[in-house]
Amino acid sequence: MDQPARTPRQIGAALKRRRKLLGMSQDKLGTRVRLRQATISKLEAGDPGTKLSTLLDTLAGLGLELVIRERSSGQPDIEDLF
């Protein structure tokens, strides 16, 4: 199921939901992707300083992938955010 996520907090929440759906603890996921439990916790909390490689490794560990597409209609362009 597609799930739009436009902020670090939304991404983190989506990852947490998927992890729980799979019945995994943060520690188990961390072991699977070779990251500390604390790193998984920060990612799920929406830490904006998360490395892209950490996000991609975690997505893979949860059986997810990143897809880039145009925003849904009615959403502002990035220039409108500043």
C-alpha atoms as a PDB file:
ATOM      1  CA  MET A   1       0.000   0.000   0.000  1.00  0.00           C
ATOM      2  CA  ASP A   2       1.328   3.436  -0.937  1.00  0.00           C
ATOM      3  CA  GLN A   3       1.658   5.869   1.916  1.00  0.00           C
ATOM      4  CA  PRO A   4       2.709   9.491   1.307  1.00  0.00           C
ATOM      5  CA  ALA A   5       5.350  10.756   3.724  1.00  0.00           C
ATOM      6  CA  ARG A   6       6.594  14.313   3.322  1.00  0.00           C
ATOM      7  CA  THR A   7       8.403  14.988   6.587  1.00  0.00           C
ATOM      8  CA  PRO A   8      11.013  13.134   8.659  1.00  0.00           C
ATOM      9  CA  ARG A   9       8.373  12.571  11.355  1.00  0.00           C
ATOM     10  CA  GLN A  10       5.945  11.031   8.836  1.00  0.00           C
ATOM     11  CA  ILE A  11       8.682   8.781   7.445  1.00  0.00           C
ATOM     12  CA  GLY A  12       9.607   7.660  10.942  1.00  0.00           C
ATOM     13  CA  ALA A  13       6.006   6.901  11.830  1.00  0.00           C
ATOM     14  CA  ALA A  14       5.555   4.854   8.645  1.00  0.00           C
ATOM     15  CA  LEU A  15       8.687   2.834   9.402  1.00  0.00           C
ATOM     16  CA  LYS A  16       7.526   2.218  12.970  1.00  0.00           C
ATOM     17  CA  ARG A  17       4.108   1.015  11.773  1.00  0.00           C
ATOM     18  CA  ARG A  18       5.758  -1.393   9.321  1.00  0.00           C
ATOM     19  CA  ARG A  19       8.187  -2.696  11.951  1.00  0.00           C
ATOM     20  CA  LYS A  20       5.340  -3.364  14.369  1.00  0.00           C
ATOM     21  CA  LEU A  21       3.257  -4.982  11.625  1.00  0.00           C
ATOM     22  CA  LEU A  22       6.160  -7.381  11.081  1.00  0.00           C
ATOM     23  CA  GLY A  23       6.327  -8.074  14.833  1.00  0.00           C
ATOM     24  CA  MET A  24       9.886  -6.780  15.112  1.00  0.00           C
ATOM     25  CA  SER A  25      11.499  -4.917  17.970  1.00  0.00           C
ATOM     26  CA  GLN A  26      13.795  -1.976  17.307  1.00  0.00           C
ATOM     27  CA  ASP A  27      16.666  -4.140  18.517  1.00  0.00           C
ATOM     28  CA  LYS A  28      15.827  -6.969  16.102  1.00  0.00           C
ATOM     29  CA  LEU A  29      15.524  -4.553  13.176  1.00  0.00           C
ATOM     30  CA  GLY A  30      18.801  -2.906  14.183  1.00  0.00           C
ATOM     31  CA  THR A  31      20.534  -6.279  14.219  1.00  0.00           C
ATOM     32  CA  ARG A  32      19.081  -7.123  10.804  1.00  0.00           C
ATOM     33  CA  VAL A  33      20.418  -3.928   9.212  1.00  0.00           C
ATOM     34  CA  ARG A  34      23.568  -3.595  11.359  1.00  0.00           C
ATOM     35  CA  LEU A  35      22.463  -0.455  13.188  1.00  0.00           C
ATOM     36  CA  ARG A  36      22.165   0.277  16.877  1.00  0.00           C
ATOM     37  CA  GLN A  37      18.709   0.209  18.478  1.00  0.00           C
ATOM     38  CA  ALA A  38      19.203   3.879  19.380  1.00  0.00           C
ATOM     39  CA  THR A  39      19.655   4.725  15.683  1.00  0.00           C
ATOM     40  CA  ILE A  40      16.388   2.974  14.803  1.00  0.00           C
ATOM     41  CA  SER A  41      14.686   4.873  17.622  1.00  0.00           C
ATOM     42  CA  LYS A  42      15.953   8.235  16.346  1.00  0.00           C
ATOM     43  CA  LEU A  43      14.872   7.408  12.794  1.00  0.00           C
ATOM     44  CA  GLU A  44      11.377   6.434  13.947  1.00  0.00           C
ATOM     45  CA  ALA A  45      11.160   9.654  15.985  1.00  0.00           C
ATOM     46  CA  GLY A  46      11.781  11.672  12.821  1.00  0.00           C
ATOM     47  CA  ASP A  47      15.336  12.834  13.471  1.00  0.00           C
ATOM     48  CA  PRO A  48      16.070  15.125  10.500  1.00  0.00           C
ATOM     49  CA  GLY A  49      19.790  14.393  10.784  1.00  0.00           C
ATOM     50  CA  THR A  50      19.415  10.758   9.747  1.00  0.00           C
ATOM     51  CA  LYS A  51      21.807   9.674   7.001  1.00  0.00           C
ATOM     52  CA  LEU A  52      20.249   8.681   3.719  1.00  0.00           C
ATOM     53  CA  SER A  53      22.128   5.369   3.846  1.00  0.00           C
ATOM     54  CA  THR A  54      20.562   4.652   7.259  1.00  0.00           C
ATOM     55  CA  LEU A  55      17.091   5.278   5.854  1.00  0.00           C
ATOM     56  CA  LEU A  56      17.722   3.111   2.790  1.00  0.00           C
ATOM     57  CA  ASP A  57      19.164   0.251   4.862  1.00  0.00           C
ATOM     58  CA  THR A  58      16.187   0.401   7.218  1.00  0.00           C
ATOM     59  CA  LEU A  59      13.704   0.432   4.337  1.00  0.00           C
ATOM     60  CA  ALA A  60      15.374  -2.662   2.884  1.00  0.00           C
ATOM     61  CA  GLY A  61      15.332  -4.366   6.285  1.00  0.00           C
ATOM     62  CA  LEU A  62      11.581  -3.805   6.431  1.00  0.00           C
ATOM     63  CA  GLY A  63      11.004  -5.000   2.865  1.00  0.00           C
ATOM     64  CA  LEU A  64      10.215  -1.479   1.651  1.00  0.00           C
ATOM     65  CA  GLU A  65      11.605   0.748  -1.099  1.00  0.00           C
ATOM     66  CA  LEU A  66      11.743   4.462  -1.794  1.00  0.00           C
ATOM     67  CA  VAL A  67       9.779   5.725  -4.807  1.00  0.00           C
ATOM     68  CA  ILE A  68      10.162   9.287  -6.120  1.00  0.00           C
ATOM     69  CA  ARG A  69       7.111  10.789  -7.801  1.00  0.00           C
ATOM     70  CA  GLU A  70       5.338  14.093  -8.300  1.00  0.00           C
ATOM     71  CA  ARG A  71       3.304  15.309  -5.364  1.00  0.00           C
ATOM     72  CA  SER A  72      -0.445  14.815  -5.326  1.00  0.00           C
ATOM     73  CA  SER A  73      -2.438  17.727  -6.711  1.00  0.00           C
ATOM     74  CA  GLY A  74      -3.088  20.526  -4.286  1.00  0.00           C
ATOM     75  CA  GLN A  75       0.296  20.176  -2.596  1.00  0.00           C
ATOM     76  CA  PRO A  76       2.664  23.162  -2.618  1.00  0.00           C
ATOM     77  CA  ASP A  77       5.883  23.191  -4.589  1.00  0.00           C
ATOM     78  CA  ILE A  78       9.080  23.305  -2.540  1.00  0.00           C
ATOM     79  CA  GLU A  79       9.512  26.984  -3.405  1.00  0.00           C
ATOM     80  CA  ASP A  80       6.212  27.687  -1.623  1.00  0.00           C
ATOM     81  CA  LEU A  81       7.573  26.222   1.617  1.00  0.00           C
ATOM     82  CA  PHE A  82      10.203  28.929   2.133  1.00  0.00           C
END
